[in-house]
Amino acid sequence: DGIERCIDDELPFEIPDSWEWTTIGTTCINIQYGSSRKSESTGTMAVLRMGNIQNGRIDTQKLVYTSDKEEIAHYPLEYNDLLFNRTNSKELVGKTAIYKSEVSAIYAGYLIRITPLIDSDYLNYVMQTQFYWVYCQNVRSDAIGQSNINAEKLKNFIYPLPPLHEQKRIAKKLNSIFTKIK
């Protein structure tokens, strides 16, 4: 919208002194839209789609494929990339999952790949919080039956960032809790 804002005016709550407020655009690289080419039921490389993102994880039950060498070269996923669902229903737009190399794959056009410069597990947990979901609901654009959050809006998400050792500790603790819940 072209309006200059002071980040201090947008901070929603207090954080510890050793933490800082940051944005996805500051802490991530390779914020990239996925392939828009049609996938097939067979091929040499899996293509992850929005339905493969379930509860913060990658679900490989219903895969489609491609053999397009150009697409495979341009959209490869790497371990710890985050996938962000940019187009979906208003309830599901913004869902994320962390890619742990479950299968070699590229990603489809309704997804955005994010390569964090911070702990990927920590960022994925941040992107499961109520704080994050309120942001998604506030910035989404709605069309007939679909909602969208573009890369610029994603980059502008403000969140609390602890030091790296604290990110890892938080993610490890949450991983152990969620493992017990399953």
N, C-alpha and C. Protein backbone atom coordinates (compact mmCIF):
# COMPACT_ATOMS: atom_id res chain seq x y z
N ASP A 1 0.80 -1.20 0.00
CA ASP A 1 0.00 0.00 0.00
C ASP A 1 0.85 1.27 0.00
N GLY A 2 2.18 1.13 0.06
CA GLY A 2 3.08 2.27 -0.04
C GLY A 2 3.21 3.10 1.23
N ILE A 3 2.52 2.74 2.30
CA ILE A 3 2.58 3.51 3.54
C ILE A 3 3.74 3.00 4.39
N GLU A 4 4.59 3.93 4.85
CA GLU A 4 5.68 3.55 5.75
C GLU A 4 5.13 3.33 7.14
N ARG A 5 5.56 2.23 7.77
CA ARG A 5 5.10 1.92 9.11
C ARG A 5 6.30 1.65 10.01
N CYS A 6 6.14 1.92 11.27
CA CYS A 6 7.14 1.57 12.26
C CYS A 6 6.80 0.19 12.79
N ILE A 7 7.75 -0.73 12.75
CA ILE A 7 7.48 -2.10 13.19
C ILE A 7 7.02 -2.13 14.65
N ASP A 8 7.52 -1.19 15.48
CA ASP A 8 7.12 -1.16 16.88
C ASP A 8 5.62 -0.96 17.05
N ASP A 9 4.98 -0.32 16.10
CA ASP A 9 3.53 -0.10 16.17
C ASP A 9 2.74 -1.37 15.85
N GLU A 10 3.38 -2.36 15.28
CA GLU A 10 2.69 -3.57 14.85
C GLU A 10 2.99 -4.79 15.73
N LEU A 11 3.78 -4.61 16.78
CA LEU A 11 4.16 -5.73 17.63
C LEU A 11 3.00 -6.11 18.54
N PRO A 12 2.56 -7.37 18.48
CA PRO A 12 1.35 -7.76 19.20
C PRO A 12 1.53 -8.09 20.68
N PHE A 13 2.75 -8.46 21.10
CA PHE A 13 2.95 -8.82 22.51
C PHE A 13 4.44 -8.70 22.86
N GLU A 14 4.72 -8.76 24.15
CA GLU A 14 6.09 -8.66 24.65
C GLU A 14 6.83 -9.98 24.45
N ILE A 15 8.13 -9.89 24.19
CA ILE A 15 8.97 -11.08 24.07
C ILE A 15 10.20 -10.89 24.95
N PRO A 16 10.91 -11.98 25.29
CA PRO A 16 12.12 -11.85 26.10
C PRO A 16 13.16 -10.95 25.43
N ASP A 17 14.02 -10.35 26.22
CA ASP A 17 15.03 -9.42 25.71
C ASP A 17 15.96 -10.06 24.69
N SER A 18 16.24 -11.35 24.83
CA SER A 18 17.17 -12.02 23.91
C SER A 18 16.51 -12.40 22.57
N TRP A 19 15.19 -12.22 22.47
CA TRP A 19 14.46 -12.51 21.25
C TRP A 19 14.34 -11.22 20.44
N GLU A 20 13.94 -11.37 19.18
CA GLU A 20 13.69 -10.19 18.35
C GLU A 20 12.47 -10.44 17.46
N TRP A 21 11.86 -9.36 17.04
CA TRP A 21 10.77 -9.45 16.06
C TRP A 21 11.39 -9.43 14.67
N THR A 22 10.89 -10.28 13.81
CA THR A 22 11.41 -10.36 12.45
C THR A 22 10.27 -10.72 11.50
N THR A 23 10.60 -10.87 10.24
CA THR A 23 9.62 -11.27 9.24
C THR A 23 10.14 -12.48 8.47
N ILE A 24 9.23 -13.17 7.82
CA ILE A 24 9.63 -14.30 6.97
C ILE A 24 10.55 -13.81 5.85
N GLY A 25 10.26 -12.64 5.32
CA GLY A 25 11.10 -12.09 4.26
C GLY A 25 12.53 -11.84 4.68
N THR A 26 12.75 -11.60 5.97
CA THR A 26 14.09 -11.35 6.50
C THR A 26 14.82 -12.65 6.82
N THR A 27 14.10 -13.67 7.24
CA THR A 27 14.73 -14.89 7.74
C THR A 27 14.68 -16.07 6.77
N CYS A 28 14.19 -15.84 5.57
CA CYS A 28 14.06 -16.93 4.60
C CYS A 28 14.56 -16.49 3.22
N ILE A 29 15.02 -17.46 2.45
CA ILE A 29 15.42 -17.23 1.06
C ILE A 29 14.61 -18.18 0.18
N ASN A 30 14.76 -18.05 -1.11
CA ASN A 30 14.06 -18.95 -2.06
C ASN A 30 12.56 -19.02 -1.80
N ILE A 31 11.94 -17.88 -1.63
CA ILE A 31 10.49 -17.85 -1.49
C ILE A 31 9.95 -17.88 -2.92
N GLN A 32 9.59 -19.09 -3.36
CA GLN A 32 9.36 -19.34 -4.78
C GLN A 32 8.06 -20.11 -5.03
N TYR A 33 7.29 -19.65 -6.01
CA TYR A 33 6.07 -20.34 -6.44
C TYR A 33 6.44 -21.65 -7.13
N GLY A 34 5.53 -22.63 -7.06
CA GLY A 34 5.77 -23.94 -7.64
C GLY A 34 5.37 -24.07 -9.10
N SER A 35 5.49 -25.28 -9.59
CA SER A 35 5.22 -25.61 -10.99
C SER A 35 3.74 -25.51 -11.32
N SER A 36 3.44 -24.93 -12.47
CA SER A 36 2.04 -24.84 -12.89
C SER A 36 1.71 -25.85 -14.00
N ARG A 37 2.67 -26.69 -14.34
CA ARG A 37 2.42 -27.70 -15.37
C ARG A 37 1.59 -28.85 -14.82
N LYS A 38 0.84 -29.48 -15.70
CA LYS A 38 -0.04 -30.59 -15.32
C LYS A 38 0.79 -31.80 -14.90
N SER A 39 0.37 -32.44 -13.83
CA SER A 39 1.01 -33.65 -13.34
C SER A 39 0.26 -34.87 -13.86
N GLU A 40 0.89 -36.03 -13.73
CA GLU A 40 0.33 -37.29 -14.24
C GLU A 40 0.26 -38.32 -13.11
N SER A 41 -0.38 -39.44 -13.38
CA SER A 41 -0.46 -40.50 -12.38
C SER A 41 0.83 -41.31 -12.29
N THR A 42 1.70 -41.19 -13.31
CA THR A 42 3.00 -41.86 -13.29
C THR A 42 4.06 -40.87 -13.75
N GLY A 43 5.30 -41.17 -13.44
CA GLY A 43 6.41 -40.32 -13.85
C GLY A 43 7.64 -40.62 -13.02
N THR A 44 8.69 -39.83 -13.23
CA THR A 44 9.96 -40.09 -12.55
C THR A 44 10.13 -39.31 -11.25
N MET A 45 9.30 -38.28 -11.02
CA MET A 45 9.45 -37.44 -9.82
C MET A 45 8.08 -37.11 -9.25
N ALA A 46 7.95 -37.26 -7.93
CA ALA A 46 6.69 -36.91 -7.26
C ALA A 46 6.49 -35.39 -7.30
N VAL A 47 5.24 -34.97 -7.35
CA VAL A 47 4.87 -33.56 -7.30
C VAL A 47 3.97 -33.38 -6.07
N LEU A 48 4.44 -32.63 -5.08
CA LEU A 48 3.63 -32.38 -3.89
C LEU A 48 2.64 -31.27 -4.18
N ARG A 49 1.40 -31.49 -3.75
CA ARG A 49 0.33 -30.52 -3.96
C ARG A 49 -0.26 -30.12 -2.61
N MET A 50 -1.24 -29.22 -2.64
CA MET A 50 -1.80 -28.72 -1.39
C MET A 50 -2.39 -29.83 -0.53
N GLY A 51 -2.94 -30.87 -1.13
CA GLY A 51 -3.49 -31.98 -0.37
C GLY A 51 -2.45 -32.82 0.35
N ASN A 52 -1.19 -32.69 -0.04
CA ASN A 52 -0.12 -33.42 0.63
C ASN A 52 0.35 -32.74 1.91
N ILE A 53 -0.14 -31.54 2.18
CA ILE A 53 0.18 -30.84 3.43
C ILE A 53 -0.93 -31.13 4.42
N GLN A 54 -0.59 -31.89 5.46
CA GLN A 54 -1.57 -32.28 6.47
C GLN A 54 -0.98 -32.11 7.87
N ASN A 55 -1.60 -31.26 8.67
CA ASN A 55 -1.20 -31.10 10.08
C ASN A 55 0.28 -30.80 10.25
N GLY A 56 0.82 -29.93 9.40
CA GLY A 56 2.22 -29.52 9.53
C GLY A 56 3.23 -30.50 8.98
N ARG A 57 2.75 -31.56 8.36
CA ARG A 57 3.64 -32.60 7.83
C ARG A 57 3.28 -32.92 6.37
N ILE A 58 4.19 -33.62 5.70
CA ILE A 58 3.96 -34.07 4.33
C ILE A 58 3.29 -35.44 4.37
N ASP A 59 2.18 -35.57 3.67
CA ASP A 59 1.47 -36.83 3.52
C ASP A 59 1.73 -37.33 2.10
N THR A 60 2.32 -38.50 1.98
CA THR A 60 2.69 -39.04 0.66
C THR A 60 1.70 -40.09 0.16
N GLN A 61 0.51 -40.14 0.73
CA GLN A 61 -0.48 -41.15 0.33
C GLN A 61 -1.00 -40.96 -1.09
N LYS A 62 -1.27 -39.74 -1.49
CA LYS A 62 -1.88 -39.49 -2.81
C LYS A 62 -0.95 -38.60 -3.63
N LEU A 63 0.02 -39.22 -4.26
CA LEU A 63 1.00 -38.47 -5.04
C LEU A 63 0.65 -38.46 -6.52
N VAL A 64 1.07 -37.41 -7.19
CA VAL A 64 1.07 -37.34 -8.65
C VAL A 64 2.53 -37.16 -9.07
N TYR A 65 2.80 -37.25 -10.36
CA TYR A 65 4.19 -37.29 -10.82
C TYR A 65 4.40 -36.45 -12.07
N THR A 66 5.68 -36.23 -12.36
CA THR A 66 6.09 -35.60 -13.61
C THR A 66 7.37 -36.29 -14.09
N SER A 67 7.61 -36.21 -15.38
CA SER A 67 8.88 -36.64 -15.97
C SER A 67 9.54 -35.48 -16.70
N ASP A 68 8.98 -34.29 -16.56
CA ASP A 68 9.47 -33.09 -17.23
C ASP A 68 10.80 -32.66 -16.62
N LYS A 69 11.90 -32.87 -17.36
CA LYS A 69 13.24 -32.58 -16.85
C LYS A 69 13.43 -31.12 -16.46
N GLU A 70 12.83 -30.22 -17.22
CA GLU A 70 12.93 -28.79 -16.93
C GLU A 70 12.27 -28.45 -15.59
N GLU A 71 11.09 -29.01 -15.36
CA GLU A 71 10.38 -28.78 -14.10
C GLU A 71 11.15 -29.39 -12.93
N ILE A 72 11.67 -30.58 -13.12
CA ILE A 72 12.42 -31.27 -12.07
C ILE A 72 13.66 -30.46 -11.71
N ALA A 73 14.31 -29.87 -12.68
CA ALA A 73 15.51 -29.05 -12.43
C ALA A 73 15.16 -27.72 -11.76
N HIS A 74 14.00 -27.16 -12.08
CA HIS A 74 13.64 -25.82 -11.59
C HIS A 74 12.98 -25.81 -10.21
N TYR A 75 12.30 -26.90 -9.82
CA TYR A 75 11.50 -26.89 -8.59
C TYR A 75 11.87 -28.00 -7.60
N PRO A 76 13.15 -28.37 -7.46
CA PRO A 76 13.46 -29.46 -6.54
C PRO A 76 13.31 -29.01 -5.08
N LEU A 77 12.77 -29.88 -4.27
CA LEU A 77 12.69 -29.60 -2.84
C LEU A 77 13.94 -30.12 -2.16
N GLU A 78 14.38 -29.40 -1.15
CA GLU A 78 15.54 -29.81 -0.37
C GLU A 78 15.12 -30.01 1.08
N TYR A 79 15.84 -30.88 1.76
CA TYR A 79 15.57 -31.20 3.16
C TYR A 79 15.40 -29.91 3.97
N ASN A 80 14.35 -29.85 4.76
CA ASN A 80 14.00 -28.72 5.64
C ASN A 80 13.38 -27.53 4.93
N ASP A 81 13.10 -27.62 3.63
CA ASP A 81 12.30 -26.57 2.99
C ASP A 81 10.92 -26.59 3.63
N LEU A 82 10.30 -25.43 3.70
CA LEU A 82 8.92 -25.32 4.17
C LEU A 82 8.02 -25.13 2.97
N LEU A 83 6.89 -25.79 2.95
CA LEU A 83 5.90 -25.60 1.90
C LEU A 83 4.73 -24.83 2.48
N PHE A 84 4.34 -23.77 1.79
CA PHE A 84 3.26 -22.88 2.21
C PHE A 84 2.15 -22.98 1.18
N ASN A 85 0.94 -23.26 1.61
CA ASN A 85 -0.21 -23.40 0.71
C ASN A 85 -0.81 -22.02 0.46
N ARG A 86 -0.53 -21.45 -0.71
CA ARG A 86 -0.93 -20.07 -1.01
C ARG A 86 -2.37 -19.94 -1.50
N THR A 87 -2.97 -21.01 -2.00
CA THR A 87 -4.34 -20.97 -2.50
C THR A 87 -5.10 -22.19 -1.98
N ASN A 88 -6.23 -21.94 -1.34
CA ASN A 88 -7.05 -23.02 -0.82
C ASN A 88 -8.36 -22.40 -0.32
N SER A 89 -9.14 -23.16 0.42
CA SER A 89 -10.33 -22.59 1.05
C SER A 89 -9.88 -21.57 2.10
N LYS A 90 -10.79 -20.71 2.53
CA LYS A 90 -10.40 -19.68 3.50
C LYS A 90 -9.92 -20.28 4.81
N GLU A 91 -10.37 -21.49 5.14
CA GLU A 91 -9.93 -22.14 6.38
C GLU A 91 -8.54 -22.75 6.25
N LEU A 92 -8.16 -23.15 5.04
CA LEU A 92 -6.91 -23.89 4.86
C LEU A 92 -5.79 -23.11 4.19
N VAL A 93 -6.09 -21.95 3.60
CA VAL A 93 -5.02 -21.17 2.96
C VAL A 93 -4.02 -20.77 4.04
N GLY A 94 -2.74 -20.99 3.76
CA GLY A 94 -1.69 -20.69 4.72
C GLY A 94 -1.14 -21.89 5.45
N LYS A 95 -1.74 -23.08 5.24
CA LYS A 95 -1.21 -24.25 5.93
C LYS A 95 0.20 -24.54 5.44
N THR A 96 1.01 -25.10 6.31
CA THR A 96 2.42 -25.35 5.99
C THR A 96 2.82 -26.76 6.39
N ALA A 97 3.93 -27.20 5.83
CA ALA A 97 4.55 -28.46 6.23
C ALA A 97 6.04 -28.34 5.96
N ILE A 98 6.80 -29.06 6.74
CA ILE A 98 8.24 -29.08 6.55
C ILE A 98 8.60 -30.34 5.75
N TYR A 99 9.42 -30.15 4.73
CA TYR A 99 9.82 -31.25 3.86
C TYR A 99 11.04 -31.93 4.47
N LYS A 100 10.88 -33.21 4.80
CA LYS A 100 11.96 -34.00 5.40
C LYS A 100 12.43 -35.10 4.45
N SER A 101 12.34 -34.84 3.15
CA SER A 101 12.78 -35.79 2.12
C SER A 101 12.03 -37.11 2.20
N GLU A 102 10.74 -37.04 2.52
CA GLU A 102 9.92 -38.25 2.57
C GLU A 102 9.98 -38.99 1.24
N VAL A 103 9.92 -38.26 0.14
CA VAL A 103 10.11 -38.76 -1.22
C VAL A 103 10.83 -37.66 -1.99
N SER A 104 11.60 -38.02 -3.02
CA SER A 104 12.17 -36.98 -3.88
C SER A 104 11.01 -36.31 -4.59
N ALA A 105 10.97 -34.98 -4.55
CA ALA A 105 9.78 -34.31 -5.07
C ALA A 105 10.07 -32.89 -5.53
N ILE A 106 9.15 -32.40 -6.38
CA ILE A 106 9.04 -30.99 -6.69
C ILE A 106 7.70 -30.55 -6.11
N TYR A 107 7.32 -29.29 -6.28
CA TYR A 107 6.09 -28.80 -5.67
C TYR A 107 5.25 -28.04 -6.70
N ALA A 108 3.95 -28.16 -6.53
CA ALA A 108 2.98 -27.62 -7.49
C ALA A 108 2.73 -26.13 -7.27
N GLY A 109 2.02 -25.55 -8.21
CA GLY A 109 1.81 -24.11 -8.30
C GLY A 109 1.03 -23.46 -7.17
N TYR A 110 0.18 -24.18 -6.46
CA TYR A 110 -0.54 -23.56 -5.35
C TYR A 110 0.29 -23.53 -4.08
N LEU A 111 1.54 -23.97 -4.19
CA LEU A 111 2.45 -23.96 -3.05
C LEU A 111 3.58 -22.97 -3.28
N ILE A 112 4.13 -22.49 -2.19
CA ILE A 112 5.33 -21.66 -2.22
C ILE A 112 6.38 -22.38 -1.38
N ARG A 113 7.58 -22.51 -1.94
CA ARG A 113 8.69 -23.09 -1.18
C ARG A 113 9.39 -21.97 -0.43
N ILE A 114 9.70 -22.23 0.83
CA ILE A 114 10.43 -21.29 1.67
C ILE A 114 11.66 -22.02 2.19
N THR A 115 12.83 -21.43 2.01
CA THR A 115 14.05 -21.99 2.58
C THR A 115 14.47 -21.11 3.75
N PRO A 116 14.22 -21.57 4.99
CA PRO A 116 14.56 -20.75 6.15
C PRO A 116 16.06 -20.67 6.40
N LEU A 117 16.50 -19.51 6.88
CA LEU A 117 17.87 -19.32 7.34
C LEU A 117 17.96 -19.60 8.84
N ILE A 118 16.83 -19.93 9.43
CA ILE A 118 16.73 -20.24 10.86
C ILE A 118 16.33 -21.70 10.99
N ASP A 119 16.02 -22.17 12.19
CA ASP A 119 15.61 -23.55 12.39
C ASP A 119 14.24 -23.79 11.73
N SER A 120 14.20 -24.69 10.77
CA SER A 120 12.97 -24.95 10.01
C SER A 120 11.84 -25.48 10.88
N ASP A 121 12.17 -26.34 11.82
CA ASP A 121 11.14 -26.89 12.69
C ASP A 121 10.50 -25.78 13.53
N TYR A 122 11.33 -24.87 14.06
CA TYR A 122 10.79 -23.76 14.84
C TYR A 122 9.84 -22.92 13.99
N LEU A 123 10.27 -22.56 12.78
CA LEU A 123 9.42 -21.73 11.92
C LEU A 123 8.12 -22.45 11.58
N ASN A 124 8.19 -23.74 11.30
CA ASN A 124 6.98 -24.50 11.01
C ASN A 124 6.02 -24.48 12.20
N TYR A 125 6.54 -24.60 13.41
CA TYR A 125 5.67 -24.52 14.59
C TYR A 125 5.07 -23.13 14.75
N VAL A 126 5.85 -22.09 14.49
CA VAL A 126 5.30 -20.73 14.53
C VAL A 126 4.13 -20.63 13.57
N MET A 127 4.26 -21.28 12.41
CA MET A 127 3.24 -21.20 11.37
C MET A 127 2.07 -22.18 11.61
N GLN A 128 2.02 -22.74 12.80
CA GLN A 128 0.86 -23.55 13.23
C GLN A 128 0.09 -22.84 14.35
N THR A 129 0.58 -21.68 14.79
CA THR A 129 -0.01 -21.00 15.95
C THR A 129 -1.26 -20.20 15.59
N GLN A 130 -2.05 -19.91 16.59
CA GLN A 130 -3.23 -19.07 16.42
C GLN A 130 -2.82 -17.68 15.94
N PHE A 131 -1.72 -17.17 16.46
CA PHE A 131 -1.18 -15.87 16.06
C PHE A 131 -0.96 -15.81 14.54
N TYR A 132 -0.36 -16.87 13.99
CA TYR A 132 -0.13 -16.96 12.56
C TYR A 132 -1.45 -17.06 11.79
N TRP A 133 -2.38 -17.89 12.28
CA TRP A 133 -3.65 -18.09 11.56
C TRP A 133 -4.49 -16.82 11.52
N VAL A 134 -4.42 -16.02 12.57
CA VAL A 134 -5.13 -14.73 12.56
C VAL A 134 -4.53 -13.85 11.46
N TYR A 135 -3.20 -13.84 11.34
CA TYR A 135 -2.55 -13.07 10.27
C TYR A 135 -3.05 -13.54 8.90
N CYS A 136 -3.05 -14.85 8.69
CA CYS A 136 -3.50 -15.39 7.39
C CYS A 136 -4.92 -14.96 7.07
N GLN A 137 -5.79 -15.03 8.04
CA GLN A 137 -7.19 -14.65 7.80
C GLN A 137 -7.31 -13.15 7.50
N ASN A 138 -6.43 -12.35 8.09
CA ASN A 138 -6.48 -10.90 7.87
C ASN A 138 -5.92 -10.46 6.52
N VAL A 139 -4.98 -11.21 5.97
CA VAL A 139 -4.31 -10.77 4.73
C VAL A 139 -4.76 -11.52 3.48
N ARG A 140 -5.54 -12.56 3.65
CA ARG A 140 -5.94 -13.35 2.48
C ARG A 140 -6.84 -12.53 1.55
N SER A 141 -6.77 -12.87 0.27
CA SER A 141 -7.67 -12.31 -0.74
C SER A 141 -8.65 -13.41 -1.13
N ASP A 142 -9.92 -13.09 -1.17
CA ASP A 142 -10.94 -14.10 -1.47
C ASP A 142 -11.48 -13.94 -2.88
N ALA A 143 -11.69 -15.08 -3.53
CA ALA A 143 -12.36 -15.15 -4.82
C ALA A 143 -13.43 -16.23 -4.68
N ILE A 144 -14.06 -16.59 -5.74
CA ILE A 144 -15.14 -17.58 -5.68
C ILE A 144 -14.59 -18.93 -5.21
N GLY A 145 -14.93 -19.31 -3.99
CA GLY A 145 -14.55 -20.60 -3.45
C GLY A 145 -13.08 -20.77 -3.09
N GLN A 146 -12.25 -19.77 -3.30
CA GLN A 146 -10.82 -19.89 -3.03
C GLN A 146 -10.31 -18.63 -2.34
N SER A 147 -9.31 -18.82 -1.51
CA SER A 147 -8.60 -17.70 -0.90
C SER A 147 -7.14 -17.79 -1.29
N ASN A 148 -6.45 -16.66 -1.26
CA ASN A 148 -5.06 -16.61 -1.70
C ASN A 148 -4.26 -15.72 -0.76
N ILE A 149 -3.02 -16.12 -0.51
CA ILE A 149 -2.04 -15.28 0.18
C ILE A 149 -0.80 -15.30 -0.69
N ASN A 150 -0.43 -14.15 -1.24
CA ASN A 150 0.71 -14.11 -2.16
C ASN A 150 2.04 -14.06 -1.40
N ALA A 151 3.13 -14.18 -2.13
CA ALA A 151 4.46 -14.23 -1.53
C ALA A 151 4.79 -12.96 -0.76
N GLU A 152 4.36 -11.80 -1.25
CA GLU A 152 4.64 -10.55 -0.54
C GLU A 152 3.98 -10.51 0.83
N LYS A 153 2.73 -10.95 0.90
CA LYS A 153 2.04 -10.99 2.19
C LYS A 153 2.70 -12.01 3.11
N LEU A 154 3.13 -13.13 2.56
CA LEU A 154 3.84 -14.13 3.34
C LEU A 154 5.13 -13.54 3.90
N LYS A 155 5.90 -12.85 3.08
CA LYS A 155 7.16 -12.25 3.52
C LYS A 155 6.96 -11.25 4.65
N ASN A 156 5.80 -10.61 4.72
CA ASN A 156 5.54 -9.57 5.71
C ASN A 156 5.06 -10.10 7.06
N PHE A 157 4.88 -11.40 7.20
CA PHE A 157 4.43 -11.95 8.48
C PHE A 157 5.49 -11.69 9.55
N ILE A 158 5.09 -10.99 10.60
CA ILE A 158 5.98 -10.64 11.71
C ILE A 158 5.84 -11.71 12.79
N TYR A 159 6.98 -12.21 13.28
CA TYR A 159 6.93 -13.23 14.33
C TYR A 159 8.13 -13.11 15.26
N PRO A 160 8.03 -13.68 16.48
CA PRO A 160 9.13 -13.60 17.45
C PRO A 160 10.20 -14.65 17.16
N LEU A 161 11.45 -14.20 17.18
CA LEU A 161 12.58 -15.08 16.88
C LEU A 161 13.55 -15.14 18.05
N PRO A 162 13.64 -16.30 18.70
CA PRO A 162 14.64 -16.46 19.76
C PRO A 162 16.02 -16.76 19.16
N PRO A 163 17.07 -16.74 19.99
CA PRO A 163 18.38 -17.16 19.50
C PRO A 163 18.31 -18.61 18.99
N LEU A 164 19.24 -18.98 18.12
CA LEU A 164 19.20 -20.29 17.45
C LEU A 164 19.11 -21.45 18.44
N HIS A 165 19.91 -21.43 19.51
CA HIS A 165 19.86 -22.54 20.47
C HIS A 165 18.47 -22.67 21.10
N GLU A 166 17.80 -21.55 21.30
CA GLU A 166 16.45 -21.56 21.86
C GLU A 166 15.43 -22.06 20.83
N GLN A 167 15.61 -21.69 19.57
CA GLN A 167 14.74 -22.21 18.50
C GLN A 167 14.79 -23.73 18.49
N LYS A 168 16.02 -24.26 18.54
CA LYS A 168 16.21 -25.71 18.50
C LYS A 168 15.61 -26.39 19.72
N ARG A 169 15.77 -25.77 20.89
CA ARG A 169 15.22 -26.33 22.13
C ARG A 169 13.69 -26.36 22.07
N ILE A 170 13.08 -25.28 21.62
CA ILE A 170 11.62 -25.20 21.50
C ILE A 170 11.11 -26.25 20.52
N ALA A 171 11.76 -26.33 19.35
CA ALA A 171 11.33 -27.30 18.33
C ALA A 171 11.49 -28.73 18.82
N LYS A 172 12.59 -29.02 19.51
CA LYS A 172 12.82 -30.37 20.03
C LYS A 172 11.74 -30.75 21.04
N LYS A 173 11.42 -29.82 21.93
CA LYS A 173 10.39 -30.07 22.95
C LYS A 173 9.03 -30.32 22.28
N LEU A 174 8.66 -29.47 21.33
CA LEU A 174 7.38 -29.64 20.64
C LEU A 174 7.35 -30.94 19.84
N ASN A 175 8.47 -31.29 19.19
CA ASN A 175 8.54 -32.57 18.46
C ASN A 175 8.28 -33.74 19.40
N SER A 176 8.87 -33.71 20.59
CA SER A 176 8.68 -34.83 21.53
C SER A 176 7.24 -34.89 22.03
N ILE A 177 6.62 -33.74 22.24
CA ILE A 177 5.21 -33.71 22.68
C ILE A 177 4.31 -34.26 21.58
N PHE A 178 4.50 -33.79 20.34
CA PHE A 178 3.62 -34.23 19.25
C PHE A 178 3.85 -35.69 18.89
N THR A 179 5.05 -36.20 19.10
CA THR A 179 5.32 -37.62 18.86
C THR A 179 4.52 -38.47 19.84
N LYS A 180 4.41 -38.01 21.09
CA LYS A 180 3.65 -38.75 22.11
C LYS A 180 2.15 -38.70 21.83
N ILE A 181 1.68 -37.63 21.22
CA ILE A 181 0.25 -37.47 20.94
C ILE A 181 -0.21 -38.43 19.85
N LYS A 182 0.67 -38.70 18.87
CA LYS A 182 0.29 -39.54 17.73
C LYS A 182 -0.11 -40.91 18.12
